PDB file of N, CA and C in Angstrom:
ATOM      1  N   UNK A   1      16.608 121.760  75.062  1.00  0.00           N
ATOM      2  CA  UNK A   1      15.573 122.799  75.121  1.00  0.00           C
ATOM      3  C   UNK A   1      14.504 122.223  73.852  1.00  0.00           C
ATOM      4  N   UNK A   2      13.372 122.354  74.590  1.00  0.00           N
ATOM      5  CA  UNK A   2      11.853 121.585  74.300  1.00  0.00           C
ATOM      6  C   UNK A   2      11.414 122.545  73.116  1.00  0.00           C
ATOM      7  N   UNK A   3      11.307 123.679  72.994  1.00  0.00           N
ATOM      8  CA  UNK A   3      10.685 124.826  71.930  1.00  0.00           C
ATOM      9  C   UNK A   3      11.988 125.039  70.857  1.00  0.00           C
ATOM     10  N   UNK A   4      11.300 125.133  69.603  1.00  0.00           N
ATOM     11  CA  UNK A   4      12.369 125.458  68.535  1.00  0.00           C
ATOM     12  C   UNK A   4      12.877 126.791  69.260  1.00  0.00           C
ATOM     13  N   UNK A   5      14.095 127.333  68.468  1.00  0.00           N
ATOM     14  CA  UNK A   5      14.550 128.534  69.066  1.00  0.00           C
ATOM     15  C   UNK A   5      14.215 129.373  68.344  1.00  0.00           C
ATOM     16  N   UNK A   6      14.317 130.606  68.371  1.00  0.00           N
ATOM     17  CA  UNK A   6      14.256 131.868  67.671  1.00  0.00           C
ATOM     18  C   UNK A   6      14.678 131.666  66.308  1.00  0.00           C
ATOM     19  N   UNK A   7      16.212 131.472  66.266  1.00  0.00           N
ATOM     20  CA  UNK A   7      16.778 131.136  65.299  1.00  0.00           C
ATOM     21  C   UNK A   7      16.096 130.579  64.167  1.00  0.00           C
ATOM     22  N   UNK A   8      15.638 129.268  64.627  1.00  0.00           N
ATOM     23  CA  UNK A   8      14.868 128.281  63.670  1.00  0.00           C
ATOM     24  C   UNK A   8      13.716 129.327  62.952  1.00  0.00           C
ATOM     25  N   UNK A   9      12.748 130.159  64.098  1.00  0.00           N
ATOM     26  CA  UNK A   9      11.960 130.542  63.151  1.00  0.00           C
ATOM     27  C   UNK A   9      12.323 131.897  62.415  1.00  0.00           C
ATOM     28  N   UNK A  10      13.478 132.367  62.779  1.00  0.00           N
ATOM     29  CA  UNK A  10      13.941 133.715  61.740  1.00  0.00           C
ATOM     30  C   UNK A  10      14.533 133.203  60.557  1.00  0.00           C
ATOM     31  N   UNK A  11      15.332 132.132  60.699  1.00  0.00           N
ATOM     32  CA  UNK A  11      15.860 131.916  59.347  1.00  0.00           C
ATOM     33  C   UNK A  11      15.197 130.553  58.357  1.00  0.00           C
ATOM     34  N   UNK A  12      14.590 130.037  59.022  1.00  0.00           N
ATOM     35  CA  UNK A  12      13.753 128.634  58.511  1.00  0.00           C
ATOM     36  C   UNK A  12      12.209 129.103  58.394  1.00  0.00           C
ATOM     37  N   UNK A  13      11.472 129.153  59.325  1.00  0.00           N
ATOM     38  CA  UNK A  13       9.995 129.080  59.381  1.00  0.00           C
ATOM     39  C   UNK A  13       9.542 130.464  58.742  1.00  0.00           C
ATOM     40  N   UNK A  14      10.042 131.277  59.126  1.00  0.00           N
ATOM     41  CA  UNK A  14       9.012 132.526  58.132  1.00  0.00           C
ATOM     42  C   UNK A  14       9.431 132.634  57.199  1.00  0.00           C
ATOM     43  N   UNK A  15      10.709 132.397  56.599  1.00  0.00           N
ATOM     44  CA  UNK A  15      10.762 132.312  55.040  1.00  0.00           C
ATOM     45  C   UNK A  15      10.415 131.562  54.441  1.00  0.00           C
ATOM     46  N   UNK A  16      10.286 130.227  54.989  1.00  0.00           N
ATOM     47  CA  UNK A  16       9.796 129.066  54.308  1.00  0.00           C
ATOM     48  C   UNK A  16       7.818 129.427  54.369  1.00  0.00           C
ATOM     49  N   UNK A  17       7.339 129.872  55.069  1.00  0.00           N
ATOM     50  CA  UNK A  17       5.964 130.583  54.678  1.00  0.00           C
ATOM     51  C   UNK A  17       5.884 131.653  53.862  1.00  0.00           C
ATOM     52  N   UNK A  18       6.628 132.381  53.907  1.00  0.00           N
ATOM     53  CA  UNK A  18       6.498 133.327  53.023  1.00  0.00           C
ATOM     54  C   UNK A  18       6.708 132.994  51.428  1.00  0.00           C
ATOM     55  N   UNK A  19       7.730 132.462  51.531  1.00  0.00           N
ATOM     56  CA  UNK A  19       7.973 131.614  50.034  1.00  0.00           C
ATOM     57  C   UNK A  19       6.924 130.588  49.340  1.00  0.00           C
ATOM     58  N   UNK A  20       6.133 130.061  50.540  1.00  0.00           N
ATOM     59  CA  UNK A  20       5.244 129.049  50.142  1.00  0.00           C
ATOM     60  C   UNK A  20       3.981 130.125  49.836  1.00  0.00           C
ATOM     61  N   UNK A  21       3.620 131.027  50.339  1.00  0.00           N
ATOM     62  CA  UNK A  21       2.790 132.004  50.220  1.00  0.00           C
ATOM     63  C   UNK A  21       2.722 132.733  48.966  1.00  0.00           C
ATOM     64  N   UNK A  22       4.170 133.101  48.429  1.00  0.00           N
ATOM     65  CA  UNK A  22       4.297 133.887  47.076  1.00  0.00           C
ATOM     66  C   UNK A  22       3.981 132.523  46.273  1.00  0.00           C
ATOM     67  N   UNK A  23       4.519 131.510  46.423  1.00  0.00           N
ATOM     68  CA  UNK A  23       4.485 130.332  45.587  1.00  0.00           C
ATOM     69  C   UNK A  23       3.108 129.948  44.951  1.00  0.00           C
ATOM     70  N   UNK A  24       2.377 129.826  45.753  1.00  0.00           N
ATOM     71  CA  UNK A  24       0.943 129.263  45.593  1.00  0.00           C
ATOM     72  C   UNK A  24       0.100 130.944  45.039  1.00  0.00           C
ATOM     73  N   UNK A  25       0.477 131.989  45.580  1.00  0.00           N
ATOM     74  CA  UNK A  25      -0.430 133.097  44.967  1.00  0.00           C
ATOM     75  C   UNK A  25       0.097 133.293  43.762  1.00  0.00           C
ATOM     76  N   UNK A  26       1.116 133.070  43.027  1.00  0.00           N
ATOM     77  CA  UNK A  26       2.108 133.020  41.562  1.00  0.00           C
ATOM     78  C   UNK A  26       1.078 132.065  40.555  1.00  0.00           C
ATOM     79  N   UNK A  27       1.243 130.824  41.284  1.00  0.00           N
ATOM     80  CA  UNK A  27       0.574 130.043  40.462  1.00  0.00           C
ATOM     81  C   UNK A  27      -1.307 130.171  40.071  1.00  0.00           C
ATOM     82  N   UNK A  28      -1.633 130.762  38.869  1.00  0.00           N
ATOM     83  CA  UNK A  28      -2.782 130.577  38.188  1.00  0.00           C
ATOM     84  C   UNK A  28      -3.318 129.463  38.103  1.00  0.00           C
ATOM     85  N   UNK A  29      -2.896 128.456  37.980  1.00  0.00           N
ATOM     86  CA  UNK A  29      -3.606 127.033  37.606  1.00  0.00           C
ATOM     87  C   UNK A  29      -3.953 126.235  39.014  1.00  0.00           C
ATOM     88  N   UNK A  30      -5.021 126.909  39.584  1.00  0.00           N
ATOM     89  CA  UNK A  30      -5.399 126.184  40.868  1.00  0.00           C
ATOM     90  C   UNK A  30      -4.531 125.796  42.038  1.00  0.00           C
ATOM     91  N   UNK A  31      -3.516 126.475  41.937  1.00  0.00           N
ATOM     92  CA  UNK A  31      -2.651 126.609  42.946  1.00  0.00           C
ATOM     93  C   UNK A  31      -1.484 125.042  42.763  1.00  0.00           C
ATOM     94  N   UNK A  32      -1.494 124.656  41.986  1.00  0.00           N
ATOM     95  CA  UNK A  32      -1.121 123.235  41.886  1.00  0.00           C
ATOM     96  C   UNK A  32       0.287 123.136  42.325  1.00  0.00           C
ATOM     97  N   UNK A  33       1.069 124.098  41.809  1.00  0.00           N
ATOM     98  CA  UNK A  33       2.706 124.027  41.980  1.00  0.00           C
ATOM     99  C   UNK A  33       2.731 124.181  43.755  1.00  0.00           C
ATOM    100  N   UNK A  34       1.892 125.176  44.257  1.00  0.00           N
ATOM    101  CA  UNK A  34       2.227 125.546  45.769  1.00  0.00           C
ATOM    102  C   UNK A  34       1.801 124.220  46.598  1.00  0.00           C
ATOM    103  N   UNK A  35       0.815 123.555  46.094  1.00  0.00           N
ATOM    104  CA  UNK A  35       0.341 122.161  46.793  1.00  0.00           C
ATOM    105  C   UNK A  35       1.325 121.372  46.559  1.00  0.00           C
ATOM    106  N   UNK A  36       2.137 121.064  45.344  1.00  0.00           N
ATOM    107  CA  UNK A  36       2.684 119.914  45.106  1.00  0.00           C
ATOM    108  C   UNK A  36       4.075 120.125  45.769  1.00  0.00           C
ATOM    109  N   UNK A  37       4.629 121.580  45.959  1.00  0.00           N
ATOM    110  CA  UNK A  37       6.070 121.410  46.695  1.00  0.00           C
ATOM    111  C   UNK A  37       5.311 121.418  48.216  1.00  0.00           C
ATOM    112  N   UNK A  38       4.722 121.668  48.657  1.00  0.00           N
ATOM    113  CA  UNK A  38       4.297 121.930  50.049  1.00  0.00           C
ATOM    114  C   UNK A  38       4.099 120.287  50.646  1.00  0.00           C
ATOM    115  N   UNK A  39       3.531 119.865  49.360  1.00  0.00           N
ATOM    116  CA  UNK A  39       3.228 118.141  49.832  1.00  0.00           C
ATOM    117  C   UNK A  39       4.562 117.529  49.564  1.00  0.00           C
ATOM    118  N   UNK A  40       5.559 117.833  48.859  1.00  0.00           N
ATOM    119  CA  UNK A  40       6.747 117.084  48.791  1.00  0.00           C
ATOM    120  C   UNK A  40       7.784 117.425  49.902  1.00  0.00           C
ATOM    121  N   UNK A  41       7.593 118.478  50.485  1.00  0.00           N
ATOM    122  CA  UNK A  41       8.170 119.167  51.346  1.00  0.00           C
ATOM    123  C   UNK A  41       7.888 118.347  52.676  1.00  0.00           C
ATOM    124  N   UNK A  42       6.463 118.304  52.724  1.00  0.00           N
ATOM    125  CA  UNK A  42       6.277 117.749  54.068  1.00  0.00           C
ATOM    126  C   UNK A  42       6.878 116.338  54.134  1.00  0.00           C
ATOM    127  N   UNK A  43       6.151 115.635  53.015  1.00  0.00           N
ATOM    128  CA  UNK A  43       6.604 114.446  52.742  1.00  0.00           C
ATOM    129  C   UNK A  43       8.152 114.012  53.702  1.00  0.00           C
ATOM    130  N   UNK A  44       8.896 114.558  52.639  1.00  0.00           N
ATOM    131  CA  UNK A  44      10.421 114.646  53.231  1.00  0.00           C
ATOM    132  C   UNK A  44      10.556 114.839  54.468  1.00  0.00           C
ATOM    133  N   UNK A  45      10.358 115.881  55.238  1.00  0.00           N
ATOM    134  CA  UNK A  45      10.251 116.316  56.516  1.00  0.00           C
ATOM    135  C   UNK A  45      10.222 115.211  57.321  1.00  0.00           C
ATOM    136  N   UNK A  46       8.789 114.393  57.028  1.00  0.00           N
ATOM    137  CA  UNK A  46       8.244 113.375  57.978  1.00  0.00           C
ATOM    138  C   UNK A  46       9.326 112.259  58.049  1.00  0.00           C
ATOM    139  N   UNK A  47      10.092 112.026  56.766  1.00  0.00           N
ATOM    140  CA  UNK A  47      10.897 110.740  56.735  1.00  0.00           C
ATOM    141  C   UNK A  47      12.156 111.376  57.633  1.00  0.00           C
ATOM    142  N   UNK A  48      12.788 112.763  57.456  1.00  0.00           N
ATOM    143  CA  UNK A  48      13.716 113.020  57.831  1.00  0.00           C
ATOM    144  C   UNK A  48      13.587 112.964  59.190  1.00  0.00           C
ATOM    145  N   UNK A  49      12.617 113.339  59.778  1.00  0.00           N
ATOM    146  CA  UNK A  49      12.104 113.580  61.377  1.00  0.00           C
ATOM    147  C   UNK A  49      12.319 112.030  61.955  1.00  0.00           C
ATOM    148  N   UNK A  50      11.504 111.015  60.933  1.00  0.00           N
ATOM    149  CA  UNK A  50      11.433 109.439  61.807  1.00  0.00           C
ATOM    150  C   UNK A  50      12.877 109.217  61.700  1.00  0.00           C
ATOM    151  N   UNK A  51      13.837 109.471  60.625  1.00  0.00           N
ATOM    152  CA  UNK A  51      15.001 108.932  60.259  1.00  0.00           C
ATOM    153  C   UNK A  51      16.188 109.662  61.873  1.00  0.00           C
ATOM    154  N   UNK A  52      15.568 110.864  61.756  1.00  0.00           N
ATOM    155  CA  UNK A  52      16.442 111.226  63.177  1.00  0.00           C
ATOM    156  C   UNK A  52      16.133 111.071  64.708  1.00  0.00           C
ATOM    157  N   UNK A  53      14.927 110.834  64.638  1.00  0.00           N
ATOM    158  CA  UNK A  53      14.081 110.230  65.684  1.00  0.00           C
ATOM    159  C   UNK A  53      14.790 108.794  66.422  1.00  0.00           C
ATOM    160  N   UNK A  54      15.035 107.862  64.857  1.00  0.00           N
ATOM    161  CA  UNK A  54      15.363 106.740  65.293  1.00  0.00           C
ATOM    162  C   UNK A  54      16.913 106.749  65.222  1.00  0.00           C
ATOM    163  N   UNK A  55      17.614 107.476  65.010  1.00  0.00           N
ATOM    164  CA  UNK A  55      19.035 107.662  65.274  1.00  0.00           C
ATOM    165  C   UNK A  55      19.418 107.950  66.759  1.00  0.00           C
ATOM    166  N   UNK A  56      17.998 109.161  67.261  1.00  0.00           N
ATOM    167  CA  UNK A  56      18.674 109.560  68.382  1.00  0.00           C
ATOM    168  C   UNK A  56      18.403 108.754  69.551  1.00  0.00           C
ATOM    169  N   UNK A  57      17.491 107.638  69.089  1.00  0.00           N
ATOM    170  CA  UNK A  57      16.988 106.587  70.272  1.00  0.00           C
ATOM    171  C   UNK A  57      18.084 105.830  70.553  1.00  0.00           C
ATOM    172  N   UNK A  58      18.513 105.103  69.218  1.00  0.00           N
ATOM    173  CA  UNK A  58      19.957 104.271  69.183  1.00  0.00           C
ATOM    174  C   UNK A  58      21.158 104.928  69.814  1.00  0.00           C
ATOM    175  N   UNK A  59      21.454 106.311  69.709  1.00  0.00           N
ATOM    176  CA  UNK A  59      22.613 106.857  70.113  1.00  0.00           C
ATOM    177  C   UNK A  59      22.188 106.788  71.813  1.00  0.00           C
ATOM    178  N   UNK A  60      21.129 107.231  72.099  1.00  0.00           N
ATOM    179  CA  UNK A  60      20.701 107.079  73.501  1.00  0.00           C
ATOM    180  C   UNK A  60      20.789 105.583  74.366  1.00  0.00           C
ATOM    181  N   UNK A  61      20.269 104.773  73.452  1.00  0.00           N
ATOM    182  CA  UNK A  61      20.624 103.463  74.127  1.00  0.00           C
ATOM    183  C   UNK A  61      22.094 103.020  74.344  1.00  0.00           C
ATOM    184  N   UNK A  62      22.723 103.398  73.096  1.00  0.00           N
ATOM    185  CA  UNK A  62      23.935 103.220  73.289  1.00  0.00           C
ATOM    186  C   UNK A  62      24.936 104.077  74.138  1.00  0.00           C
ATOM    187  N   UNK A  63      24.863 105.236  74.597  1.00  0.00           N
ATOM    188  CA  UNK A  63      25.063 105.966  75.630  1.00  0.00           C
ATOM    189  C   UNK A  63      24.526 105.297  77.101  1.00  0.00           C
ATOM    190  N   UNK A  64      23.652 104.690  77.204  1.00  0.00           N
ATOM    191  CA  UNK A  64      23.430 104.276  78.642  1.00  0.00           C
ATOM    192  C   UNK A  64      24.458 102.832  78.707  1.00  0.00           C
ATOM    193  N   UNK A  65      24.699 102.368  77.496  1.00  0.00           N
ATOM    194  CA  UNK A  65      25.347 100.993  77.562  1.00  0.00           C
ATOM    195  C   UNK A  65      26.765 101.333  78.072  1.00  0.00           C
ATOM    196  N   UNK A  66      27.407 102.538  77.115  1.00  0.00           N
ATOM    197  CA  UNK A  66      29.032 103.002  77.540  1.00  0.00           C
ATOM    198  C   UNK A  66      28.472 103.533  79.053  1.00  0.00           C
ATOM    199  N   UNK A  67      27.972 103.665  79.412  1.00  0.00           N
ATOM    200  CA  UNK A  67      27.815 104.617  80.902  1.00  0.00           C
ATOM    201  C   UNK A  67      27.701 103.627  81.970  1.00  0.00           C
ATOM    202  N   UNK A  68      27.147 102.371  81.666  1.00  0.00           N
ATOM    203  CA  UNK A  68      27.040 100.999  82.481  1.00  0.00           C
ATOM    204  C   UNK A  68      28.615 100.692  82.508  1.00  0.00           C
ATOM    205  N   UNK A  69      29.414 100.486  81.289  1.00  0.00           N
ATOM    206  CA  UNK A  69      30.506  99.937  81.403  1.00  0.00           C
ATOM    207  C   UNK A  69      31.732 100.787  82.229  1.00  0.00           C
ATOM    208  N   UNK A  70      31.632 102.045  81.963  1.00  0.00           N
ATOM    209  CA  UNK A  70      32.358 102.843  82.246  1.00  0.00           C
ATOM    210  C   UNK A  70      32.237 102.885  83.737  1.00  0.00           C
ATOM    211  N   UNK A  71      31.185 102.702  84.398  1.00  0.00           N
ATOM    212  CA  UNK A  71      30.454 102.653  85.812  1.00  0.00           C
ATOM    213  C   UNK A  71      31.073 101.282  86.345  1.00  0.00           C
ATOM    214  N   UNK A  72      30.993 100.363  85.646  1.00  0.00           N
ATOM    215  CA  UNK A  72      31.754  98.706  86.057  1.00  0.00           C
ATOM    216  C   UNK A  72      33.387  98.700  86.209  1.00  0.00           C
ATOM    217  N   UNK A  73      33.976  99.415  85.330  1.00  0.00           N
ATOM    218  CA  UNK A  73      35.331  99.745  85.155  1.00  0.00           C
ATOM    219  C   UNK A  73      35.741 100.944  86.299  1.00  0.00           C
ATOM    220  N   UNK A  74      34.897 101.747  86.631  1.00  0.00           N
ATOM    221  CA  UNK A  74      35.250 102.340  87.850  1.00  0.00           C
ATOM    222  C   UNK A  74      35.262 101.950  89.037  1.00  0.00           C
ATOM    223  N   UNK A  75      33.909 100.854  89.110  1.00  0.00           N
ATOM    224  CA  UNK A  75      33.920 100.234  90.514  1.00  0.00           C
ATOM    225  C   UNK A  75      34.857  99.024  90.769  1.00  0.00           C
ATOM    226  N   UNK A  76      35.496  98.813  89.588  1.00  0.00           N
ATOM    227  CA  UNK A  76      36.783  97.649  89.712  1.00  0.00           C
ATOM    228  C   UNK A  76      37.672  98.233  89.836  1.00  0.00           C
ATOM    229  N   UNK A  77      37.933  99.134  89.485  1.00  0.00           N
ATOM    230  CA  UNK A  77      39.588  99.793  89.916  1.00  0.00           C
ATOM    231  C   UNK A  77      39.325 100.330  91.323  1.00  0.00           C
ATOM    232  N   UNK A  78      38.095 100.869  91.809  1.00  0.00           N
ATOM    233  CA  UNK A  78      37.963 101.302  93.389  1.00  0.00           C
ATOM    234  C   UNK A  78      38.047 100.287  94.268  1.00  0.00           C
ATOM    235  N   UNK A  79      37.665  99.135  93.563  1.00  0.00           N
ATOM    236  CA  UNK A  79      37.613  97.669  94.784  1.00  0.00           C
ATOM    237  C   UNK A  79      38.889  97.492  94.379  1.00  0.00           C
ATOM    238  N   UNK A  80      39.948  97.415  93.363  1.00  0.00           N
ATOM    239  CA  UNK A  80      41.114  97.138  93.506  1.00  0.00           C
ATOM    240  C   UNK A  80      41.965  97.958  94.232  1.00  0.00           C
ATOM    241  N   UNK A  81      41.935  98.776  94.439  1.00  0.00           N
ATOM    242  CA  UNK A  81      42.572 100.039  94.983  1.00  0.00           C
ATOM    243  C   UNK A  81      42.259  99.780  96.607  1.00  0.00           C
ATOM    244  N   UNK A  82      41.146  99.171  96.949  1.00  0.00           N
ATOM    245  CA  UNK A  82      40.421  99.182  98.273  1.00  0.00           C
ATOM    246  C   UNK A  82      41.178  97.974  98.799  1.00  0.00           C
ATOM    247  N   UNK A  83      41.145  96.800  97.772  1.00  0.00           N
ATOM    248  CA  UNK A  83      42.102  95.912  98.440  1.00  0.00           C
ATOM    249  C   UNK A  83      43.180  96.008  98.427  1.00  0.00           C
ATOM    250  N   UNK A  84      44.079  96.833  98.042  1.00  0.00           N
ATOM    251  CA  UNK A  84      45.603  97.400  97.906  1.00  0.00           C
ATOM    252  C   UNK A  84      45.627  98.204  99.453  1.00  0.00           C
ATOM    253  N   UNK A  85      44.881  98.831  99.608  1.00  0.00           N
ATOM    254  CA  UNK A  85      44.934  99.672 100.682  1.00  0.00           C
ATOM    255  C   UNK A  85      44.876  98.743 102.053  1.00  0.00           C
ATOM    256  N   UNK A  86      44.130  97.955 102.345  1.00  0.00           N
ATOM    257  CA  UNK A  86      43.629  97.206 103.106  1.00  0.00           C
ATOM    258  C   UNK A  86      44.599  96.474 103.671  1.00  0.00           C
ATOM    259  N   UNK A  87      45.417  95.883 102.665  1.00  0.00           N
ATOM    260  CA  UNK A  87      46.534  94.569 102.559  1.00  0.00           C
ATOM    261  C   UNK A  87      47.533  95.044 103.209  1.00  0.00           C
ATOM    262  N   UNK A  88      47.953  96.708 103.223  1.00  0.00           N
ATOM    263  CA  UNK A  88      49.158  97.458 103.622  1.00  0.00           C
ATOM    264  C   UNK A  88      49.332  97.672 105.183  1.00  0.00           C
TER     265      UNK A  88
END
């Protein structure tokens, strides 16, 4: 799935936006707390996203390696079975 699901919007995005709006409105000193919290969360989200992307790429590469190994094993088993059946 390429687009975020409705569950993400209902449980995370909409409440986050509402809380951040409320936090900024409550701050009477030039919205410093709201801006600070939003900035901190954005920076943390960026690092989490980068790490998750790096891990996903590593997992994909390892999956390709594992699939090639399984394919070689299956080919060697088929070759062995074909040789055994042609000898009989």
